[in-house]
Protein backbone atom coordinates (compact mmCIF):
# COMPACT_ATOMS: atom_id res chain seq x y z
CA MET A 1 -15.84 -24.66 -16.48
CA LYS A 2 -17.95 -26.42 -13.87
CA LYS A 3 -21.60 -27.12 -14.58
CA LYS A 4 -24.30 -25.34 -12.64
CA THR A 5 -26.04 -27.58 -10.15
CA SER A 6 -29.80 -27.99 -10.29
CA SER A 7 -32.00 -26.91 -7.39
CA LYS A 8 -33.00 -30.57 -6.87
CA GLN A 9 -29.42 -31.44 -5.96
CA ASN A 10 -29.26 -28.48 -3.62
CA LYS A 11 -32.43 -29.56 -1.78
CA LYS A 12 -30.97 -33.00 -1.14
CA GLY A 13 -28.63 -31.40 1.36
CA THR A 14 -25.29 -31.45 -0.38
CA GLY A 15 -23.36 -28.31 0.40
CA LYS A 16 -21.48 -28.94 -2.83
CA ALA A 17 -24.33 -27.50 -4.92
CA ILE A 18 -23.95 -24.02 -3.44
CA GLU A 19 -20.17 -24.24 -3.54
CA THR A 20 -20.26 -25.31 -7.22
CA ARG A 21 -22.48 -22.37 -8.15
CA GLN A 22 -20.19 -19.94 -6.32
CA THR A 23 -17.13 -21.42 -8.02
CA THR A 24 -18.86 -21.20 -11.39
CA LYS A 25 -19.84 -17.59 -10.71
CA ARG A 26 -16.28 -16.67 -9.67
CA SER A 27 -14.88 -18.36 -12.78
CA HIS A 28 -17.30 -16.42 -14.97
CA ILE A 29 -16.41 -13.13 -13.26
CA ALA A 30 -12.72 -13.95 -13.60
CA LYS A 31 -13.09 -14.58 -17.34
CA GLN A 32 -15.01 -11.32 -17.76
CA SER A 33 -12.41 -9.37 -15.78
CA GLU A 34 -9.56 -10.89 -17.83
CA LYS A 35 -10.81 -8.84 -20.74
CA ILE A 36 -10.43 -5.63 -18.74
CA MET A 37 -8.29 -6.26 -15.68
CA PRO A 38 -4.56 -5.98 -16.32
CA LYS A 39 -2.27 -8.59 -14.82
CA THR A 40 -0.36 -7.88 -11.63
CA GLN A 41 3.02 -6.21 -11.69
CA LEU A 42 4.08 -8.04 -8.54
CA SER A 43 6.77 -10.70 -8.78
CA LYS A 44 6.08 -14.36 -7.98
CA LYS A 45 8.05 -13.93 -4.74
CA GLU A 46 5.92 -10.94 -3.72
CA LEU A 47 2.71 -12.78 -4.59
CA ASP A 48 3.85 -15.75 -2.51
CA GLU A 49 4.59 -13.42 0.44
CA PHE A 50 1.14 -11.83 0.21
CA LYS A 51 -0.46 -15.25 -0.13
CA GLU A 52 1.30 -16.43 3.02
CA MET A 53 0.22 -13.26 4.84
CA LEU A 54 -3.41 -13.76 3.75
CA LEU A 55 -3.40 -17.43 4.77
CA THR A 56 -2.05 -16.51 8.22
CA ILE A 57 -4.75 -13.86 8.71
CA ARG A 58 -7.37 -16.32 7.43
CA GLU A 59 -6.29 -18.99 9.90
CA ARG A 60 -6.48 -16.53 12.82
CA LEU A 61 -9.91 -15.29 11.71
CA VAL A 62 -11.35 -18.80 11.40
CA GLY A 63 -10.20 -19.55 14.95
CA LYS A 64 -11.58 -16.27 16.24
CA ILE A 65 -14.95 -16.77 14.53
CA SER A 66 -15.30 -20.26 15.98
CA SER A 67 -14.36 -19.05 19.45
CA VAL A 68 -16.68 -16.02 19.37
CA LYS A 69 -19.63 -18.06 18.11
CA ALA A 70 -19.06 -20.73 20.75
CA ASP A 71 -18.79 -18.12 23.52
CA ALA A 72 -21.87 -16.27 22.30
CA LEU A 73 -24.00 -19.39 22.21
CA VAL A 74 -23.06 -20.70 25.65
CA LYS A 75 -25.82 -19.95 28.17
CA THR A 76 -24.60 -19.32 31.70
CA GLU A 77 -26.72 -21.01 34.39
CA ASP A 78 -26.03 -18.39 37.07
CA ILE A 79 -27.63 -15.42 35.27
CA ASN A 80 -30.40 -13.67 37.20
CA ASP A 81 -33.26 -11.79 35.52
CA GLY A 82 -31.55 -8.40 35.93
CA GLU A 83 -28.43 -9.57 34.13
CA ASP A 84 -30.29 -11.45 31.39
CA GLY A 85 -30.74 -8.31 29.23
CA THR A 86 -27.05 -7.50 29.45
CA GLU A 87 -26.18 -11.09 28.60
CA MET A 88 -28.46 -11.01 25.54
CA PHE A 89 -26.91 -7.74 24.38
CA THR A 90 -23.43 -9.20 24.80
CA ARG A 91 -24.36 -12.31 22.81
CA GLU A 92 -25.87 -10.30 19.97
CA PHE A 93 -22.82 -8.04 19.91
CA MET A 94 -20.46 -11.03 19.76
CA LEU A 95 -22.46 -12.60 16.92
CA GLN A 96 -22.31 -9.30 15.01
CA LEU A 97 -18.53 -9.31 15.45
CA ALA A 98 -18.41 -12.84 14.09
CA GLY A 99 -20.49 -11.66 11.11
CA SER A 100 -18.06 -8.88 10.24
CA ASP A 101 -15.19 -11.32 10.66
CA ASN A 102 -16.99 -13.59 8.18
CA GLU A 103 -17.11 -10.70 5.71
CA ALA A 104 -13.36 -10.20 6.15
CA LEU A 105 -12.91 -13.93 5.59
CA HIS A 106 -14.72 -13.66 2.25
CA GLU A 107 -12.53 -10.69 1.28
CA ILE A 108 -9.43 -12.75 2.10
CA ASP A 109 -10.72 -15.67 0.01
CA ASP A 110 -11.36 -13.27 -2.89
CA ALA A 111 -7.84 -11.85 -2.54
CA LEU A 112 -6.39 -15.38 -2.64
CA GLN A 113 -8.42 -15.99 -5.81
CA ARG A 114 -7.01 -12.78 -7.34
CA ILE A 115 -3.50 -14.03 -6.56
CA GLU A 116 -4.26 -17.24 -8.48
CA GLU A 117 -5.69 -15.21 -11.37
CA LYS A 118 -2.64 -12.90 -11.36
CA THR A 119 -4.83 -9.80 -10.86
CA TYR A 120 -3.88 -9.26 -7.21
CA GLY A 121 -2.61 -5.76 -6.46
CA ILE A 122 -4.62 -4.12 -9.26
CA CYS A 123 -7.31 -1.61 -8.24
CA GLU A 124 -10.72 -2.89 -9.31
CA THR A 125 -11.91 0.68 -9.88
CA CYS A 126 -9.14 2.41 -11.85
CA PHE A 127 -7.17 -0.69 -12.96
CA GLN A 128 -3.89 0.83 -11.74
CA PRO A 129 -1.44 -0.93 -9.39
CA ILE A 130 -2.22 -0.69 -5.67
CA GLY A 131 0.74 0.56 -3.65
CA LYS A 132 2.75 -2.14 -1.90
CA GLU A 133 2.53 -0.28 1.41
CA ARG A 134 -1.29 -0.34 1.18
CA LEU A 135 -1.22 -4.05 0.35
CA LYS A 136 1.02 -4.71 3.36
CA ALA A 137 -1.33 -2.75 5.63
CA LEU A 138 -4.53 -4.27 4.20
CA PRO A 139 -3.60 -7.28 2.06
CA PHE A 140 -7.18 -8.04 1.02
CA THR A 141 -7.94 -4.55 -0.29
CA ARG A 142 -9.56 -4.23 -3.72
CA GLU A 143 -8.82 -0.57 -4.34
CA CYS A 144 -5.93 1.84 -4.33
CA ILE A 145 -5.93 4.52 -1.66
CA LYS A 146 -6.97 7.24 -4.12
CA CYS A 147 -10.11 5.39 -5.33
CA LYS A 148 -11.08 4.30 -1.81
CA SER A 149 -10.67 7.86 -0.54
CA MET A 150 -12.77 9.26 -3.38
CA LYS A 151 -15.54 6.71 -2.73
CA GLU A 152 -15.57 7.58 0.97
CA LYS A 153 -16.09 11.23 0.00
CA GLY A 154 -19.00 10.23 -2.24
CA ILE A 155 -17.10 10.76 -5.48
CA VAL A 156 -17.24 7.93 -7.99
CA PRO A 157 -13.79 7.53 -9.53
CA LEU A 158 -13.54 6.73 -13.21
CA PRO A 159 -11.24 4.02 -14.61
CA ARG A 160 -7.85 5.29 -15.78
CA LEU A 161 -7.10 3.17 -18.81
């Protein structure tokens, strides 16, 4: 397990300090979930296919985020005062889109981590396998359709062990 990095190292400007703490935290969570979380029932071939799918989506998202941020931060010289409010709204909207894409990017990274830990395809709420059709439709999902549906209705599903 990696050592936690002191705040002094973080203040010196190395991005590695934050990354190390996040990696340490994920490793700790993974070890805790190993006690509870059953291993995936997906074959190695299926896991490789989902991994490839996730990496493709990730690559597209990274490109989209970069493009949206660049477009949002470019100031057009020809904007008159009447259009300035619309331009500001458009920029803020584009940056919000980039923010939600960043959240999706984190979900994809977490799904890739679950593949490595062999817990991919297991619902984090009920610990039952997530249907392959759901995984194909939303490969970074954490929950089966039943648990997600119950949560959306305000019902807290209980684990089915």
